[in-house]
N, C-alpha and C. Protein backbone atom coordinates (compact mmCIF):
# COMPACT_ATOMS: atom_id res chain seq x y z
N UNK A 1 2.16 -6.52 13.31
CA UNK A 1 2.86 -7.38 12.42
C UNK A 1 3.91 -8.12 13.24
N UNK A 2 4.07 -9.42 12.97
CA UNK A 2 5.07 -10.24 13.66
C UNK A 2 6.01 -10.82 12.61
N UNK A 3 7.30 -10.68 12.83
CA UNK A 3 8.28 -11.28 11.94
C UNK A 3 8.53 -12.71 12.40
N UNK A 4 7.95 -13.68 11.70
CA UNK A 4 8.13 -15.09 12.04
C UNK A 4 9.26 -15.75 11.24
N UNK A 5 9.96 -14.96 10.44
CA UNK A 5 11.08 -15.49 9.68
C UNK A 5 12.29 -15.65 10.59
N UNK A 6 13.22 -16.52 10.27
CA UNK A 6 14.40 -16.74 11.13
C UNK A 6 15.51 -15.71 10.93
N UNK A 7 15.18 -14.51 10.45
CA UNK A 7 16.17 -13.47 10.24
C UNK A 7 15.48 -12.11 10.23
N UNK A 8 16.27 -11.05 10.37
CA UNK A 8 15.74 -9.69 10.33
C UNK A 8 15.30 -9.32 8.92
N UNK A 9 14.22 -8.59 8.81
CA UNK A 9 13.77 -8.06 7.53
C UNK A 9 13.62 -6.55 7.65
N UNK A 10 13.58 -5.90 6.52
CA UNK A 10 13.33 -4.47 6.47
C UNK A 10 12.08 -4.24 5.62
N UNK A 11 11.06 -3.65 6.23
CA UNK A 11 9.86 -3.28 5.48
C UNK A 11 10.24 -2.07 4.64
N UNK A 12 10.28 -2.26 3.33
CA UNK A 12 10.71 -1.21 2.42
C UNK A 12 9.58 -0.23 2.14
N UNK A 13 8.42 -0.76 1.79
CA UNK A 13 7.25 0.09 1.55
C UNK A 13 6.00 -0.78 1.64
N UNK A 14 4.89 -0.13 1.88
CA UNK A 14 3.63 -0.85 1.95
C UNK A 14 2.49 0.04 1.48
N UNK A 15 1.47 -0.58 0.95
CA UNK A 15 0.31 0.11 0.42
C UNK A 15 -0.94 -0.56 0.99
N UNK A 16 -1.81 0.21 1.64
CA UNK A 16 -3.01 -0.33 2.27
C UNK A 16 -4.25 0.13 1.54
N UNK A 17 -5.25 -0.71 1.54
CA UNK A 17 -6.58 -0.34 1.05
C UNK A 17 -7.61 -0.74 2.09
N UNK A 18 -8.38 0.22 2.56
CA UNK A 18 -9.43 -0.04 3.53
C UNK A 18 -10.75 -0.14 2.78
N UNK A 19 -11.44 -1.26 2.91
CA UNK A 19 -12.66 -1.51 2.16
C UNK A 19 -13.89 -1.40 3.05
N UNK A 20 -14.73 -0.49 2.70
CA UNK A 20 -16.06 -0.39 3.32
C UNK A 20 -16.93 0.35 2.32
N UNK A 21 -17.46 -0.38 1.37
CA UNK A 21 -18.22 0.25 0.30
C UNK A 21 -17.30 0.73 -0.82
N UNK A 22 -16.33 1.56 -0.48
CA UNK A 22 -15.33 1.99 -1.45
C UNK A 22 -13.96 1.74 -0.83
N UNK A 23 -12.92 1.96 -1.60
CA UNK A 23 -11.57 1.70 -1.11
C UNK A 23 -10.89 3.01 -0.74
N UNK A 24 -10.36 3.06 0.45
CA UNK A 24 -9.57 4.18 0.92
C UNK A 24 -8.11 3.76 0.87
N UNK A 25 -7.27 4.45 0.11
CA UNK A 25 -5.87 4.07 -0.07
C UNK A 25 -4.97 4.89 0.83
N UNK A 26 -3.95 4.25 1.36
CA UNK A 26 -2.92 4.93 2.14
C UNK A 26 -1.64 4.13 1.98
N UNK A 27 -0.51 4.76 2.25
CA UNK A 27 0.76 4.05 2.13
C UNK A 27 1.73 4.53 3.19
N UNK A 28 2.71 3.68 3.45
CA UNK A 28 3.81 4.01 4.34
C UNK A 28 5.07 3.90 3.50
N UNK A 29 5.85 4.95 3.45
CA UNK A 29 7.02 4.93 2.56
C UNK A 29 8.34 4.96 3.32
N UNK A 30 8.32 4.97 4.64
CA UNK A 30 9.61 4.94 5.35
C UNK A 30 9.98 3.50 5.67
N UNK A 31 11.24 3.22 5.60
CA UNK A 31 11.72 1.86 5.86
C UNK A 31 11.76 1.58 7.36
N UNK A 32 11.49 0.33 7.71
CA UNK A 32 11.47 -0.06 9.11
C UNK A 32 12.06 -1.46 9.25
N UNK A 33 13.09 -1.59 10.08
CA UNK A 33 13.70 -2.90 10.34
C UNK A 33 12.86 -3.64 11.37
N UNK A 34 12.67 -4.95 11.14
CA UNK A 34 11.88 -5.78 12.03
C UNK A 34 12.72 -7.00 12.38
N UNK A 35 13.10 -7.12 13.63
CA UNK A 35 13.96 -8.21 14.09
C UNK A 35 13.21 -9.54 14.14
N UNK A 36 13.96 -10.62 14.20
CA UNK A 36 13.40 -11.96 14.34
C UNK A 36 12.47 -12.00 15.55
N UNK A 37 11.22 -12.40 15.36
CA UNK A 37 10.26 -12.50 16.45
C UNK A 37 9.69 -11.19 16.95
N UNK A 38 10.09 -10.08 16.37
CA UNK A 38 9.61 -8.77 16.82
C UNK A 38 8.16 -8.55 16.41
N UNK A 39 7.41 -7.96 17.31
CA UNK A 39 6.04 -7.53 17.03
C UNK A 39 6.06 -6.02 16.88
N UNK A 40 5.54 -5.53 15.78
CA UNK A 40 5.56 -4.10 15.52
C UNK A 40 4.19 -3.64 15.02
N UNK A 41 3.90 -2.38 15.20
CA UNK A 41 2.65 -1.79 14.73
C UNK A 41 2.95 -0.78 13.64
N UNK A 42 2.01 -0.64 12.73
CA UNK A 42 2.13 0.35 11.67
C UNK A 42 0.94 1.30 11.77
N UNK A 43 1.21 2.57 11.72
CA UNK A 43 0.13 3.56 11.67
C UNK A 43 -0.08 3.95 10.22
N UNK A 44 -1.33 3.93 9.84
CA UNK A 44 -1.70 4.26 8.47
C UNK A 44 -2.42 5.58 8.48
N UNK A 45 -1.97 6.50 7.69
CA UNK A 45 -2.58 7.82 7.58
C UNK A 45 -3.03 8.03 6.15
N UNK A 46 -4.16 8.65 5.99
CA UNK A 46 -4.63 8.95 4.66
C UNK A 46 -5.81 9.91 4.72
N UNK A 47 -6.15 10.47 3.60
CA UNK A 47 -7.30 11.37 3.57
C UNK A 47 -8.45 10.66 2.87
N UNK A 48 -9.66 11.17 3.09
CA UNK A 48 -10.83 10.59 2.45
C UNK A 48 -11.81 11.69 2.07
N UNK A 49 -12.65 11.38 1.13
CA UNK A 49 -13.68 12.33 0.72
C UNK A 49 -14.80 12.33 1.76
N UNK A 50 -15.68 13.31 1.69
CA UNK A 50 -16.83 13.35 2.59
C UNK A 50 -17.69 12.11 2.43
N UNK A 51 -17.88 11.66 1.20
CA UNK A 51 -18.68 10.46 0.95
C UNK A 51 -18.08 9.22 1.59
N UNK A 52 -16.75 9.07 1.48
CA UNK A 52 -16.08 7.93 2.11
C UNK A 52 -16.20 8.01 3.63
N UNK A 53 -16.05 9.21 4.19
CA UNK A 53 -16.18 9.39 5.64
C UNK A 53 -17.59 9.04 6.09
N UNK A 54 -18.59 9.46 5.35
CA UNK A 54 -19.98 9.13 5.70
C UNK A 54 -20.21 7.63 5.66
N UNK A 55 -19.67 6.96 4.64
CA UNK A 55 -19.82 5.51 4.52
C UNK A 55 -19.16 4.77 5.67
N UNK A 56 -17.96 5.19 6.04
CA UNK A 56 -17.27 4.55 7.16
C UNK A 56 -18.00 4.85 8.47
N UNK A 57 -18.43 6.09 8.64
CA UNK A 57 -19.19 6.45 9.84
C UNK A 57 -20.47 5.65 9.96
N UNK A 58 -21.17 5.47 8.85
CA UNK A 58 -22.40 4.69 8.83
C UNK A 58 -22.11 3.26 9.25
N UNK A 59 -21.03 2.69 8.72
CA UNK A 59 -20.67 1.30 9.04
C UNK A 59 -20.26 1.15 10.50
N UNK A 60 -19.44 2.09 10.99
CA UNK A 60 -18.99 2.00 12.38
C UNK A 60 -20.15 2.17 13.35
N UNK A 61 -21.10 3.04 13.03
CA UNK A 61 -22.26 3.27 13.91
C UNK A 61 -23.12 2.01 14.01
N UNK A 62 -23.07 1.15 13.02
CA UNK A 62 -23.86 -0.08 13.00
C UNK A 62 -23.01 -1.30 13.32
N UNK A 63 -21.80 -1.07 13.81
CA UNK A 63 -20.87 -2.15 14.17
C UNK A 63 -20.55 -3.07 13.00
N UNK A 64 -20.64 -2.55 11.78
CA UNK A 64 -20.22 -3.32 10.61
C UNK A 64 -18.70 -3.30 10.54
N UNK A 65 -18.11 -4.42 10.20
CA UNK A 65 -16.66 -4.51 10.12
C UNK A 65 -16.19 -4.12 8.72
N UNK A 66 -14.96 -3.74 8.65
CA UNK A 66 -14.33 -3.40 7.39
C UNK A 66 -13.25 -4.42 7.09
N UNK A 67 -12.77 -4.44 5.88
CA UNK A 67 -11.66 -5.33 5.53
C UNK A 67 -10.49 -4.50 5.02
N UNK A 68 -9.34 -5.12 5.01
CA UNK A 68 -8.11 -4.45 4.64
C UNK A 68 -7.40 -5.28 3.59
N UNK A 69 -6.89 -4.61 2.57
CA UNK A 69 -5.98 -5.27 1.63
C UNK A 69 -4.63 -4.59 1.77
N UNK A 70 -3.57 -5.34 1.57
CA UNK A 70 -2.24 -4.82 1.86
C UNK A 70 -1.20 -5.45 0.95
N UNK A 71 -0.30 -4.63 0.43
CA UNK A 71 0.86 -5.12 -0.32
C UNK A 71 2.10 -4.57 0.35
N UNK A 72 3.05 -5.45 0.70
CA UNK A 72 4.27 -5.06 1.39
C UNK A 72 5.49 -5.53 0.61
N UNK A 73 6.51 -4.69 0.55
CA UNK A 73 7.79 -5.05 -0.04
C UNK A 73 8.84 -5.08 1.06
N UNK A 74 9.59 -6.18 1.12
CA UNK A 74 10.60 -6.38 2.16
C UNK A 74 11.99 -6.55 1.54
N UNK A 75 13.00 -6.17 2.30
CA UNK A 75 14.40 -6.45 1.97
C UNK A 75 14.97 -7.30 3.10
N UNK A 76 15.91 -8.17 2.78
CA UNK A 76 16.64 -8.92 3.79
C UNK A 76 17.97 -9.36 3.19
N UNK A 77 18.80 -10.00 4.01
CA UNK A 77 20.13 -10.40 3.56
C UNK A 77 20.07 -11.44 2.45
N UNK A 78 19.02 -12.26 2.42
CA UNK A 78 18.91 -13.32 1.41
C UNK A 78 18.39 -12.82 0.07
N UNK A 79 17.30 -12.06 0.12
CA UNK A 79 16.65 -11.63 -1.11
C UNK A 79 15.53 -10.65 -0.77
N UNK A 80 15.15 -9.82 -1.70
CA UNK A 80 13.97 -8.98 -1.54
C UNK A 80 12.74 -9.80 -1.89
N UNK A 81 11.62 -9.53 -1.23
CA UNK A 81 10.40 -10.27 -1.52
C UNK A 81 9.19 -9.41 -1.20
N UNK A 82 8.03 -9.82 -1.70
CA UNK A 82 6.77 -9.11 -1.49
C UNK A 82 5.76 -10.03 -0.85
N UNK A 83 4.81 -9.43 -0.16
CA UNK A 83 3.69 -10.17 0.45
C UNK A 83 2.43 -9.36 0.20
N UNK A 84 1.39 -10.02 -0.29
CA UNK A 84 0.11 -9.37 -0.53
C UNK A 84 -0.98 -10.09 0.27
N UNK A 85 -1.78 -9.30 0.98
CA UNK A 85 -2.95 -9.81 1.69
C UNK A 85 -4.14 -9.19 0.98
N UNK A 86 -4.96 -10.02 0.37
CA UNK A 86 -6.05 -9.50 -0.45
C UNK A 86 -7.30 -9.14 0.33
N UNK A 87 -7.58 -9.81 1.43
CA UNK A 87 -8.82 -9.53 2.15
C UNK A 87 -8.68 -9.96 3.62
N UNK A 88 -8.22 -9.06 4.46
CA UNK A 88 -8.12 -9.31 5.89
C UNK A 88 -9.40 -8.76 6.51
N UNK A 89 -10.28 -9.66 6.96
CA UNK A 89 -11.58 -9.25 7.47
C UNK A 89 -11.57 -9.15 8.99
N UNK A 90 -12.61 -8.51 9.51
CA UNK A 90 -12.83 -8.48 10.95
C UNK A 90 -12.06 -7.40 11.68
N UNK A 91 -11.54 -6.43 10.97
CA UNK A 91 -10.83 -5.35 11.66
C UNK A 91 -11.82 -4.24 11.98
N UNK A 92 -11.52 -3.49 13.00
CA UNK A 92 -12.35 -2.35 13.38
C UNK A 92 -11.42 -1.16 13.56
N UNK A 93 -11.36 -0.26 12.59
CA UNK A 93 -10.43 0.86 12.68
C UNK A 93 -10.83 1.84 13.78
N UNK A 94 -9.85 2.46 14.39
CA UNK A 94 -10.10 3.53 15.35
C UNK A 94 -10.05 4.84 14.59
N UNK A 95 -11.12 5.58 14.65
CA UNK A 95 -11.23 6.83 13.91
C UNK A 95 -11.22 7.98 14.90
N UNK A 96 -10.35 8.94 14.69
CA UNK A 96 -10.17 10.05 15.64
C UNK A 96 -11.47 10.81 15.87
N UNK A 97 -12.17 11.16 14.82
CA UNK A 97 -13.39 11.95 14.95
C UNK A 97 -14.63 11.11 14.62
N UNK A 98 -14.68 9.89 15.13
CA UNK A 98 -15.76 8.96 14.81
C UNK A 98 -17.13 9.50 15.16
N UNK A 99 -17.24 10.30 16.22
CA UNK A 99 -18.55 10.81 16.61
C UNK A 99 -19.14 11.76 15.57
N UNK A 100 -18.28 12.38 14.76
CA UNK A 100 -18.76 13.31 13.73
C UNK A 100 -19.09 12.61 12.42
N UNK A 101 -18.60 11.41 12.22
CA UNK A 101 -18.82 10.69 10.96
C UNK A 101 -20.26 10.22 10.86
N UNK A 102 -20.82 10.29 9.70
CA UNK A 102 -22.14 9.78 9.44
C UNK A 102 -23.27 10.66 9.98
N UNK A 103 -22.97 11.84 10.50
CA UNK A 103 -23.98 12.70 11.07
C UNK A 103 -24.34 13.87 10.16
N UNK A 104 -23.81 13.91 8.94
CA UNK A 104 -24.10 15.02 8.03
C UNK A 104 -25.44 14.80 7.38
């Protein structure tokens, strides 16, 4: 994430949805300050059912891409505001145990 605004913002909370057949939900609830021009990364953690894991494993094994939806709430000195991204395509998630997915 890059803060292209001319002032510091604080990421108050965010909610992610990973789409690959079904939606996998995860959220980040800790606040994070982002300075003007700062580039920052967010780690998303969440759990999934066996069926969701199989679907993601199947897609990753075939190099199919997934999409991400995201809602973020920000605070700043001027005003609080929200940003929603409905369909960010072309991402390829890194999965810790990817070799085990889709092999059941």
